[in-house]
PDB file of N, CA and C in Angstrom:
ATOM      1  N   UNK A   1     100.573 126.706  77.399  1.00  0.00           N
ATOM      2  CA  UNK A   1     101.736 125.750  76.719  1.00  0.00           C
ATOM      3  C   UNK A   1     101.971 124.776  77.962  1.00  0.00           C
ATOM      4  N   UNK A   2     101.760 123.562  77.512  1.00  0.00           N
ATOM      5  CA  UNK A   2     101.856 122.499  78.399  1.00  0.00           C
ATOM      6  C   UNK A   2     103.354 122.164  78.989  1.00  0.00           C
ATOM      7  N   UNK A   3     103.429 121.731  80.294  1.00  0.00           N
ATOM      8  CA  UNK A   3     104.704 121.595  80.859  1.00  0.00           C
ATOM      9  C   UNK A   3     105.190 120.148  80.261  1.00  0.00           C
ATOM     10  N   UNK A   4     106.390 119.922  80.002  1.00  0.00           N
ATOM     11  CA  UNK A   4     106.779 118.606  79.431  1.00  0.00           C
ATOM     12  C   UNK A   4     108.063 118.227  80.238  1.00  0.00           C
ATOM     13  N   UNK A   5     107.585 117.055  81.021  1.00  0.00           N
ATOM     14  CA  UNK A   5     108.888 116.604  81.799  1.00  0.00           C
ATOM     15  C   UNK A   5     110.068 116.029  81.034  1.00  0.00           C
ATOM     16  N   UNK A   6     111.143 116.071  81.481  1.00  0.00           N
ATOM     17  CA  UNK A   6     112.351 115.495  80.707  1.00  0.00           C
ATOM     18  C   UNK A   6     112.173 113.843  80.817  1.00  0.00           C
ATOM     19  N   UNK A   7     112.500 113.397  79.511  1.00  0.00           N
ATOM     20  CA  UNK A   7     112.346 112.052  79.223  1.00  0.00           C
ATOM     21  C   UNK A   7     112.837 111.007  80.296  1.00  0.00           C
ATOM     22  N   UNK A   8     113.936 111.590  81.157  1.00  0.00           N
ATOM     23  CA  UNK A   8     114.607 110.932  82.253  1.00  0.00           C
ATOM     24  C   UNK A   8     113.499 110.493  83.339  1.00  0.00           C
ATOM     25  N   UNK A   9     112.316 111.243  83.388  1.00  0.00           N
ATOM     26  CA  UNK A   9     111.374 111.059  84.459  1.00  0.00           C
ATOM     27  C   UNK A   9     110.283 109.847  84.106  1.00  0.00           C
ATOM     28  N   UNK A  10     110.495 109.617  82.832  1.00  0.00           N
ATOM     29  CA  UNK A  10     109.449 108.520  82.073  1.00  0.00           C
ATOM     30  C   UNK A  10     110.128 107.100  82.531  1.00  0.00           C
ATOM     31  N   UNK A  11     110.124 106.725  83.526  1.00  0.00           N
ATOM     32  CA  UNK A  11     110.487 105.215  83.813  1.00  0.00           C
ATOM     33  C   UNK A  11     109.636 104.504  83.842  1.00  0.00           C
ATOM     34  N   UNK A  12     109.739 103.000  83.315  1.00  0.00           N
ATOM     35  CA  UNK A  12     109.021 101.980  83.472  1.00  0.00           C
ATOM     36  C   UNK A  12     108.571 101.693  84.768  1.00  0.00           C
ATOM     37  N   UNK A  13     107.218 101.421  85.031  1.00  0.00           N
ATOM     38  CA  UNK A  13     106.708 101.253  86.443  1.00  0.00           C
ATOM     39  C   UNK A  13     107.407  99.652  86.999  1.00  0.00           C
ATOM     40  N   UNK A  14     107.451  98.921  85.980  1.00  0.00           N
ATOM     41  CA  UNK A  14     108.164  97.487  86.449  1.00  0.00           C
ATOM     42  C   UNK A  14     109.205  97.549  87.246  1.00  0.00           C
ATOM     43  N   UNK A  15     110.237  97.968  87.023  1.00  0.00           N
ATOM     44  CA  UNK A  15     111.414  97.931  87.744  1.00  0.00           C
ATOM     45  C   UNK A  15     111.187  98.857  89.140  1.00  0.00           C
ATOM     46  N   UNK A  16     110.560  99.796  88.812  1.00  0.00           N
ATOM     47  CA  UNK A  16     110.199 100.656  89.972  1.00  0.00           C
ATOM     48  C   UNK A  16     109.195  99.686  91.218  1.00  0.00           C
ATOM     49  N   UNK A  17     108.413  98.893  90.663  1.00  0.00           N
ATOM     50  CA  UNK A  17     107.597  98.138  91.469  1.00  0.00           C
ATOM     51  C   UNK A  17     108.492  97.131  92.225  1.00  0.00           C
ATOM     52  N   UNK A  18     109.386  96.492  91.314  1.00  0.00           N
ATOM     53  CA  UNK A  18     110.406  95.434  91.943  1.00  0.00           C
ATOM     54  C   UNK A  18     111.237  95.922  92.952  1.00  0.00           C
ATOM     55  N   UNK A  19     111.627  97.172  92.826  1.00  0.00           N
ATOM     56  CA  UNK A  19     112.581  97.717  93.672  1.00  0.00           C
ATOM     57  C   UNK A  19     111.856  98.401  95.041  1.00  0.00           C
ATOM     58  N   UNK A  20     110.735  99.104  94.759  1.00  0.00           N
ATOM     59  CA  UNK A  20     110.109  99.917  95.764  1.00  0.00           C
ATOM     60  C   UNK A  20     108.929  99.169  96.483  1.00  0.00           C
ATOM     61  N   UNK A  21     108.392  98.127  95.946  1.00  0.00           N
ATOM     62  CA  UNK A  21     107.279  97.481  96.532  1.00  0.00           C
ATOM     63  C   UNK A  21     107.821  95.888  96.988  1.00  0.00           C
ATOM     64  N   UNK A  22     108.137  95.114  95.972  1.00  0.00           N
ATOM     65  CA  UNK A  22     108.521  93.759  96.268  1.00  0.00           C
ATOM     66  C   UNK A  22     109.725  93.474  97.243  1.00  0.00           C
ATOM     67  N   UNK A  23     110.769  94.345  96.950  1.00  0.00           N
ATOM     68  CA  UNK A  23     111.975  94.390  97.946  1.00  0.00           C
ATOM     69  C   UNK A  23     111.763  94.593  99.275  1.00  0.00           C
ATOM     70  N   UNK A  24     111.046  95.661  99.633  1.00  0.00           N
ATOM     71  CA  UNK A  24     110.774  96.101 101.150  1.00  0.00           C
ATOM     72  C   UNK A  24     110.141  94.719 101.671  1.00  0.00           C
ATOM     73  N   UNK A  25     109.029  94.131 100.906  1.00  0.00           N
ATOM     74  CA  UNK A  25     108.305  92.995 101.347  1.00  0.00           C
ATOM     75  C   UNK A  25     109.057  91.773 101.454  1.00  0.00           C
ATOM     76  N   UNK A  26     110.292  91.714 100.821  1.00  0.00           N
ATOM     77  CA  UNK A  26     111.156  90.448 100.726  1.00  0.00           C
ATOM     78  C   UNK A  26     110.481  89.281 100.056  1.00  0.00           C
ATOM     79  N   UNK A  27     109.577  89.839  98.860  1.00  0.00           N
ATOM     80  CA  UNK A  27     108.771  88.713  98.126  1.00  0.00           C
ATOM     81  C   UNK A  27     109.582  88.625  96.934  1.00  0.00           C
ATOM     82  N   UNK A  28     109.524  87.231  96.355  1.00  0.00           N
ATOM     83  CA  UNK A  28     109.905  86.709  95.108  1.00  0.00           C
ATOM     84  C   UNK A  28     108.985  86.999  94.075  1.00  0.00           C
ATOM     85  N   UNK A  29     109.293  87.209  92.890  1.00  0.00           N
ATOM     86  CA  UNK A  29     108.514  87.162  91.780  1.00  0.00           C
ATOM     87  C   UNK A  29     107.232  86.355  91.862  1.00  0.00           C
ATOM     88  N   UNK A  30     107.521  85.116  92.190  1.00  0.00           N
ATOM     89  CA  UNK A  30     106.639  83.952  92.203  1.00  0.00           C
ATOM     90  C   UNK A  30     105.620  84.180  93.373  1.00  0.00           C
ATOM     91  N   UNK A  31     106.352  84.630  94.409  1.00  0.00           N
ATOM     92  CA  UNK A  31     105.430  84.811  95.688  1.00  0.00           C
ATOM     93  C   UNK A  31     104.390  85.883  95.477  1.00  0.00           C
ATOM     94  N   UNK A  32     104.810  87.029  94.991  1.00  0.00           N
ATOM     95  CA  UNK A  32     104.175  88.217  94.650  1.00  0.00           C
ATOM     96  C   UNK A  32     103.080  87.938  93.549  1.00  0.00           C
ATOM     97  N   UNK A  33     103.202  87.193  92.426  1.00  0.00           N
ATOM     98  CA  UNK A  33     102.275  86.549  91.562  1.00  0.00           C
ATOM     99  C   UNK A  33     101.307  85.816  91.986  1.00  0.00           C
ATOM    100  N   UNK A  34     101.666  85.019  92.961  1.00  0.00           N
ATOM    101  CA  UNK A  34     100.543  84.125  93.638  1.00  0.00           C
ATOM    102  C   UNK A  34      99.725  84.853  94.507  1.00  0.00           C
ATOM    103  N   UNK A  35     100.285  85.841  95.218  1.00  0.00           N
ATOM    104  CA  UNK A  35      99.569  86.669  96.089  1.00  0.00           C
ATOM    105  C   UNK A  35      98.505  87.495  95.360  1.00  0.00           C
ATOM    106  N   UNK A  36      98.941  87.820  93.934  1.00  0.00           N
ATOM    107  CA  UNK A  36      98.100  88.751  93.226  1.00  0.00           C
ATOM    108  C   UNK A  36      97.052  88.032  92.271  1.00  0.00           C
ATOM    109  N   UNK A  37      97.200  86.781  92.349  1.00  0.00           N
ATOM    110  CA  UNK A  37      96.249  85.941  91.644  1.00  0.00           C
ATOM    111  C   UNK A  37      96.614  85.940  89.973  1.00  0.00           C
ATOM    112  N   UNK A  38      97.848  86.177  89.728  1.00  0.00           N
ATOM    113  CA  UNK A  38      98.299  86.147  88.231  1.00  0.00           C
ATOM    114  C   UNK A  38      99.390  84.922  88.086  1.00  0.00           C
ATOM    115  N   UNK A  39      99.696  84.930  86.684  1.00  0.00           N
ATOM    116  CA  UNK A  39     100.753  84.052  86.330  1.00  0.00           C
ATOM    117  C   UNK A  39     101.940  84.699  86.454  1.00  0.00           C
ATOM    118  N   UNK A  40     103.065  84.166  86.988  1.00  0.00           N
ATOM    119  CA  UNK A  40     104.269  84.550  86.917  1.00  0.00           C
ATOM    120  C   UNK A  40     105.038  85.162  85.582  1.00  0.00           C
ATOM    121  N   UNK A  41     104.976  84.486  84.541  1.00  0.00           N
ATOM    122  CA  UNK A  41     105.783  85.007  83.394  1.00  0.00           C
ATOM    123  C   UNK A  41     105.437  86.258  82.849  1.00  0.00           C
ATOM    124  N   UNK A  42     104.303  86.639  82.758  1.00  0.00           N
ATOM    125  CA  UNK A  42     103.694  88.030  82.303  1.00  0.00           C
ATOM    126  C   UNK A  42     104.003  89.035  83.448  1.00  0.00           C
ATOM    127  N   UNK A  43     103.934  88.685  84.555  1.00  0.00           N
ATOM    128  CA  UNK A  43     104.405  89.623  85.823  1.00  0.00           C
ATOM    129  C   UNK A  43     105.737  89.750  85.747  1.00  0.00           C
ATOM    130  N   UNK A  44     106.525  88.989  85.437  1.00  0.00           N
ATOM    131  CA  UNK A  44     107.914  89.047  85.373  1.00  0.00           C
ATOM    132  C   UNK A  44     108.345  89.941  84.180  1.00  0.00           C
ATOM    133  N   UNK A  45     107.656  89.855  83.128  1.00  0.00           N
ATOM    134  CA  UNK A  45     107.790  90.531  82.015  1.00  0.00           C
ATOM    135  C   UNK A  45     107.590  92.117  82.315  1.00  0.00           C
ATOM    136  N   UNK A  46     106.460  92.435  83.135  1.00  0.00           N
ATOM    137  CA  UNK A  46     106.186  93.739  83.545  1.00  0.00           C
ATOM    138  C   UNK A  46     107.433  94.119  84.343  1.00  0.00           C
ATOM    139  N   UNK A  47     107.569  93.508  85.276  1.00  0.00           N
ATOM    140  CA  UNK A  47     108.605  93.976  86.561  1.00  0.00           C
ATOM    141  C   UNK A  47     110.097  94.213  85.722  1.00  0.00           C
ATOM    142  N   UNK A  48     110.388  93.609  84.573  1.00  0.00           N
ATOM    143  CA  UNK A  48     111.705  93.735  83.798  1.00  0.00           C
ATOM    144  C   UNK A  48     111.626  94.581  82.822  1.00  0.00           C
ATOM    145  N   UNK A  49     110.450  95.309  82.665  1.00  0.00           N
ATOM    146  CA  UNK A  49     110.250  96.330  81.587  1.00  0.00           C
ATOM    147  C   UNK A  49     109.882  95.827  80.255  1.00  0.00           C
ATOM    148  N   UNK A  50     109.680  94.648  80.226  1.00  0.00           N
ATOM    149  CA  UNK A  50     109.591  94.119  78.781  1.00  0.00           C
ATOM    150  C   UNK A  50     108.018  94.109  78.296  1.00  0.00           C
ATOM    151  N   UNK A  51     107.257  94.397  79.204  1.00  0.00           N
ATOM    152  CA  UNK A  51     105.594  94.504  78.920  1.00  0.00           C
ATOM    153  C   UNK A  51     105.176  95.578  79.707  1.00  0.00           C
ATOM    154  N   UNK A  52     104.277  96.196  79.157  1.00  0.00           N
ATOM    155  CA  UNK A  52     103.398  97.524  79.634  1.00  0.00           C
ATOM    156  C   UNK A  52     102.448  96.763  80.891  1.00  0.00           C
ATOM    157  N   UNK A  53     102.479  97.716  81.915  1.00  0.00           N
ATOM    158  CA  UNK A  53     101.497  97.666  83.043  1.00  0.00           C
ATOM    159  C   UNK A  53     100.152  97.638  82.662  1.00  0.00           C
ATOM    160  N   UNK A  54      99.192  96.685  82.824  1.00  0.00           N
ATOM    161  CA  UNK A  54      97.806  96.971  82.566  1.00  0.00           C
ATOM    162  C   UNK A  54      97.093  97.476  83.664  1.00  0.00           C
ATOM    163  N   UNK A  55      95.762  98.184  83.190  1.00  0.00           N
ATOM    164  CA  UNK A  55      95.157  98.732  84.463  1.00  0.00           C
ATOM    165  C   UNK A  55      94.730  97.622  85.484  1.00  0.00           C
ATOM    166  N   UNK A  56      94.388  96.471  84.952  1.00  0.00           N
ATOM    167  CA  UNK A  56      93.856  95.037  85.908  1.00  0.00           C
ATOM    168  C   UNK A  56      95.125  95.076  86.868  1.00  0.00           C
ATOM    169  N   UNK A  57      96.434  94.723  86.323  1.00  0.00           N
ATOM    170  CA  UNK A  57      97.561  94.609  87.117  1.00  0.00           C
ATOM    171  C   UNK A  57      97.687  95.759  88.205  1.00  0.00           C
ATOM    172  N   UNK A  58      97.625  96.818  87.810  1.00  0.00           N
ATOM    173  CA  UNK A  58      97.696  98.017  88.484  1.00  0.00           C
ATOM    174  C   UNK A  58      96.838  98.041  89.655  1.00  0.00           C
ATOM    175  N   UNK A  59      95.567  97.654  89.546  1.00  0.00           N
ATOM    176  CA  UNK A  59      94.530  97.616  90.497  1.00  0.00           C
ATOM    177  C   UNK A  59      94.792  96.592  91.387  1.00  0.00           C
ATOM    178  N   UNK A  60      95.431  95.531  91.023  1.00  0.00           N
ATOM    179  CA  UNK A  60      95.762  94.353  91.794  1.00  0.00           C
ATOM    180  C   UNK A  60      96.899  94.871  92.830  1.00  0.00           C
ATOM    181  N   UNK A  61      97.952  95.381  92.336  1.00  0.00           N
ATOM    182  CA  UNK A  61      99.070  95.987  93.198  1.00  0.00           C
ATOM    183  C   UNK A  61      98.547  96.969  94.033  1.00  0.00           C
ATOM    184  N   UNK A  62      97.523  97.874  93.612  1.00  0.00           N
ATOM    185  CA  UNK A  62      96.868  98.902  94.623  1.00  0.00           C
ATOM    186  C   UNK A  62      96.331  97.949  95.826  1.00  0.00           C
ATOM    187  N   UNK A  63      95.464  97.066  95.564  1.00  0.00           N
ATOM    188  CA  UNK A  63      94.816  96.265  96.589  1.00  0.00           C
ATOM    189  C   UNK A  63      95.660  95.532  97.435  1.00  0.00           C
ATOM    190  N   UNK A  64      96.862  95.201  97.088  1.00  0.00           N
ATOM    191  CA  UNK A  64      97.680  94.318  97.832  1.00  0.00           C
ATOM    192  C   UNK A  64      98.700  95.056  98.654  1.00  0.00           C
ATOM    193  N   UNK A  65      99.152  96.211  97.985  1.00  0.00           N
ATOM    194  CA  UNK A  65     100.416  97.016  98.468  1.00  0.00           C
ATOM    195  C   UNK A  65      99.980  98.368  98.869  1.00  0.00           C
ATOM    196  N   UNK A  66      98.789  98.899  98.670  1.00  0.00           N
ATOM    197  CA  UNK A  66      98.365 100.083  98.829  1.00  0.00           C
ATOM    198  C   UNK A  66      99.067 101.384  98.110  1.00  0.00           C
ATOM    199  N   UNK A  67      99.697 100.964  96.889  1.00  0.00           N
ATOM    200  CA  UNK A  67     100.204 101.825  96.015  1.00  0.00           C
ATOM    201  C   UNK A  67      99.104 102.455  94.907  1.00  0.00           C
ATOM    202  N   UNK A  68      98.898 103.622  94.577  1.00  0.00           N
ATOM    203  CA  UNK A  68      97.887 103.984  93.839  1.00  0.00           C
ATOM    204  C   UNK A  68      98.076 103.520  92.360  1.00  0.00           C
ATOM    205  N   UNK A  69      97.008 102.865  91.942  1.00  0.00           N
ATOM    206  CA  UNK A  69      96.918 102.271  90.559  1.00  0.00           C
ATOM    207  C   UNK A  69      97.103 103.399  89.576  1.00  0.00           C
ATOM    208  N   UNK A  70      96.308 104.633  89.954  1.00  0.00           N
ATOM    209  CA  UNK A  70      96.504 105.820  88.957  1.00  0.00           C
ATOM    210  C   UNK A  70      97.908 106.104  88.779  1.00  0.00           C
ATOM    211  N   UNK A  71      98.684 106.217  89.885  1.00  0.00           N
ATOM    212  CA  UNK A  71     100.260 106.597  89.821  1.00  0.00           C
ATOM    213  C   UNK A  71     100.870 105.759  88.987  1.00  0.00           C
ATOM    214  N   UNK A  72     100.725 104.479  89.128  1.00  0.00           N
ATOM    215  CA  UNK A  72     101.574 103.368  88.358  1.00  0.00           C
ATOM    216  C   UNK A  72     101.142 103.486  86.967  1.00  0.00           C
ATOM    217  N   UNK A  73      99.822 103.544  86.646  1.00  0.00           N
ATOM    218  CA  UNK A  73      99.419 103.718  85.135  1.00  0.00           C
ATOM    219  C   UNK A  73      99.971 105.164  84.668  1.00  0.00           C
ATOM    220  N   UNK A  74      99.945 106.052  85.377  1.00  0.00           N
ATOM    221  CA  UNK A  74     100.659 107.516  84.862  1.00  0.00           C
ATOM    222  C   UNK A  74     101.950 107.400  84.527  1.00  0.00           C
ATOM    223  N   UNK A  75     102.817 106.477  85.452  1.00  0.00           N
ATOM    224  CA  UNK A  75     104.251 106.110  85.103  1.00  0.00           C
ATOM    225  C   UNK A  75     104.219 105.468  83.866  1.00  0.00           C
ATOM    226  N   UNK A  76     103.286 104.490  83.597  1.00  0.00           N
ATOM    227  CA  UNK A  76     103.425 103.796  82.233  1.00  0.00           C
ATOM    228  C   UNK A  76     103.197 104.555  81.157  1.00  0.00           C
ATOM    229  N   UNK A  77     101.912 105.493  81.242  1.00  0.00           N
ATOM    230  CA  UNK A  77     101.815 106.277  80.172  1.00  0.00           C
ATOM    231  C   UNK A  77     102.908 107.219  79.780  1.00  0.00           C
ATOM    232  N   UNK A  78     103.647 107.741  80.811  1.00  0.00           N
ATOM    233  CA  UNK A  78     104.547 108.608  80.544  1.00  0.00           C
ATOM    234  C   UNK A  78     105.874 107.895  79.803  1.00  0.00           C
ATOM    235  N   UNK A  79     106.199 106.782  80.383  1.00  0.00           N
ATOM    236  CA  UNK A  79     107.079 105.791  79.704  1.00  0.00           C
ATOM    237  C   UNK A  79     106.826 105.471  78.345  1.00  0.00           C
ATOM    238  N   UNK A  80     105.536 104.997  78.014  1.00  0.00           N
ATOM    239  CA  UNK A  80     105.172 104.692  76.590  1.00  0.00           C
ATOM    240  C   UNK A  80     105.122 105.875  75.708  1.00  0.00           C
ATOM    241  N   UNK A  81     104.815 107.121  76.087  1.00  0.00           N
ATOM    242  CA  UNK A  81     104.838 108.091  75.283  1.00  0.00           C
ATOM    243  C   UNK A  81     106.280 108.760  74.937  1.00  0.00           C
ATOM    244  N   UNK A  82     107.244 108.582  75.863  1.00  0.00           N
ATOM    245  CA  UNK A  82     108.539 109.066  75.872  1.00  0.00           C
ATOM    246  C   UNK A  82     109.120 108.004  75.052  1.00  0.00           C
ATOM    247  N   UNK A  83     108.733 106.715  74.910  1.00  0.00           N
ATOM    248  CA  UNK A  83     109.551 105.824  73.967  1.00  0.00           C
ATOM    249  C   UNK A  83     109.006 106.068  72.419  1.00  0.00           C
ATOM    250  N   UNK A  84     107.862 106.759  72.270  1.00  0.00           N
ATOM    251  CA  UNK A  84     107.462 107.023  70.688  1.00  0.00           C
ATOM    252  C   UNK A  84     107.949 108.411  70.340  1.00  0.00           C
ATOM    253  N   UNK A  85     108.428 109.015  71.036  1.00  0.00           N
ATOM    254  CA  UNK A  85     108.864 110.580  70.897  1.00  0.00           C
ATOM    255  C   UNK A  85     110.216 110.361  70.092  1.00  0.00           C
ATOM    256  N   UNK A  86     110.333 110.917  68.861  1.00  0.00           N
ATOM    257  CA  UNK A  86     111.660 110.796  68.180  1.00  0.00           C
ATOM    258  C   UNK A  86     111.646 109.609  67.309  1.00  0.00           C
ATOM    259  N   UNK A  87     110.412 108.869  67.257  1.00  0.00           N
ATOM    260  CA  UNK A  87     110.429 107.964  66.213  1.00  0.00           C
ATOM    261  C   UNK A  87     110.352 108.513  64.767  1.00  0.00           C
ATOM    262  N   UNK A  88     110.982 108.052  63.793  1.00  0.00           N
ATOM    263  CA  UNK A  88     110.983 108.708  62.495  1.00  0.00           C
ATOM    264  C   UNK A  88     109.477 108.547  61.912  1.00  0.00           C
ATOM    265  N   UNK A  89     108.841 107.503  62.176  1.00  0.00           N
ATOM    266  CA  UNK A  89     107.680 107.429  61.450  1.00  0.00           C
ATOM    267  C   UNK A  89     106.725 108.523  61.877  1.00  0.00           C
ATOM    268  N   UNK A  90     106.884 108.640  63.301  1.00  0.00           N
ATOM    269  CA  UNK A  90     105.878 109.783  63.836  1.00  0.00           C
ATOM    270  C   UNK A  90     106.248 111.054  63.514  1.00  0.00           C
ATOM    271  N   UNK A  91     107.671 111.272  63.635  1.00  0.00           N
ATOM    272  CA  UNK A  91     108.304 112.746  63.417  1.00  0.00           C
ATOM    273  C   UNK A  91     107.915 113.054  61.978  1.00  0.00           C
ATOM    274  N   UNK A  92     107.701 112.169  60.947  1.00  0.00           N
ATOM    275  CA  UNK A  92     107.281 112.642  59.625  1.00  0.00           C
ATOM    276  C   UNK A  92     106.065 112.965  59.338  1.00  0.00           C
ATOM    277  N   UNK A  93     105.125 112.894  60.279  1.00  0.00           N
ATOM    278  CA  UNK A  93     103.922 113.335  60.169  1.00  0.00           C
ATOM    279  C   UNK A  93     103.728 114.867  60.299  1.00  0.00           C
ATOM    280  N   UNK A  94     103.200 115.418  59.248  1.00  0.00           N
ATOM    281  CA  UNK A  94     102.928 116.922  59.354  1.00  0.00           C
ATOM    282  C   UNK A  94     101.592 117.506  59.953  1.00  0.00           C
ATOM    283  N   UNK A  95     101.527 118.381  60.537  1.00  0.00           N
ATOM    284  CA  UNK A  95     100.331 118.882  61.238  1.00  0.00           C
ATOM    285  C   UNK A  95      99.336 119.500  60.085  1.00  0.00           C
ATOM    286  N   UNK A  96      98.182 119.100  60.247  1.00  0.00           N
ATOM    287  CA  UNK A  96      97.175 119.577  59.190  1.00  0.00           C
ATOM    288  C   UNK A  96      96.727 120.817  59.526  1.00  0.00           C
ATOM    289  N   UNK A  97      96.577 121.825  58.468  1.00  0.00           N
ATOM    290  CA  UNK A  97      95.890 123.097  58.758  1.00  0.00           C
ATOM    291  C   UNK A  97      94.399 122.840  59.401  1.00  0.00           C
ATOM    292  N   UNK A  98      93.900 123.688  60.153  1.00  0.00           N
ATOM    293  CA  UNK A  98      92.656 123.631  60.499  1.00  0.00           C
ATOM    294  C   UNK A  98      91.581 124.210  59.533  1.00  0.00           C
ATOM    295  N   UNK A  99      90.419 123.595  59.393  1.00  0.00           N
ATOM    296  CA  UNK A  99      89.613 124.254  58.260  1.00  0.00           C
ATOM    297  C   UNK A  99      88.410 124.982  59.025  1.00  0.00           C
ATOM    298  N   UNK A 100      88.196 126.193  58.741  1.00  0.00           N
ATOM    299  CA  UNK A 100      87.030 126.941  59.488  1.00  0.00           C
ATOM    300  C   UNK A 100      85.978 126.276  59.062  1.00  0.00           C
ATOM    301  N   UNK A 101      84.969 125.705  59.782  1.00  0.00           N
ATOM    302  CA  UNK A 101      83.699 125.196  59.513  1.00  0.00           C
ATOM    303  C   UNK A 101      82.823 126.018  58.795  1.00  0.00           C
ATOM    304  N   UNK A 102      82.786 127.504  58.989  1.00  0.00           N
ATOM    305  CA  UNK A 102      81.951 128.258  58.311  1.00  0.00           C
ATOM    306  C   UNK A 102      82.422 128.669  56.770  1.00  0.00           C
ATOM    307  N   UNK A 103      83.740 128.518  56.582  1.00  0.00           N
ATOM    308  CA  UNK A 103      84.196 128.482  55.241  1.00  0.00           C
ATOM    309  C   UNK A 103      83.986 127.318  54.361  1.00  0.00           C
ATOM    310  N   UNK A 104      83.687 126.195  54.779  1.00  0.00           N
ATOM    311  CA  UNK A 104      83.554 125.041  54.114  1.00  0.00           C
ATOM    312  C   UNK A 104      82.275 124.775  53.502  1.00  0.00           C
TER     313      UNK A 104
END
């Protein structure tokens, strides 16, 4: 049986990056975006939790600040998965019975 962490652990990486990476460096969103070589508006959307963190942006953040891209992407995956749990359209899907290949 897989261990399932509580949904409260599934935080969006954007606000975490803003609080734990940009703040200690005293960098504005604009300064950080320029340093990372990206456009400010999409970066701001990630930092404010309105857009998902991409692998490319995670790699840029790792290179600039030393925070593991894999960790950031795991945070994003956990957040995205937690956001889908409980959706009615997904909850309505029934599990299919497995068919034995030899019986077919």
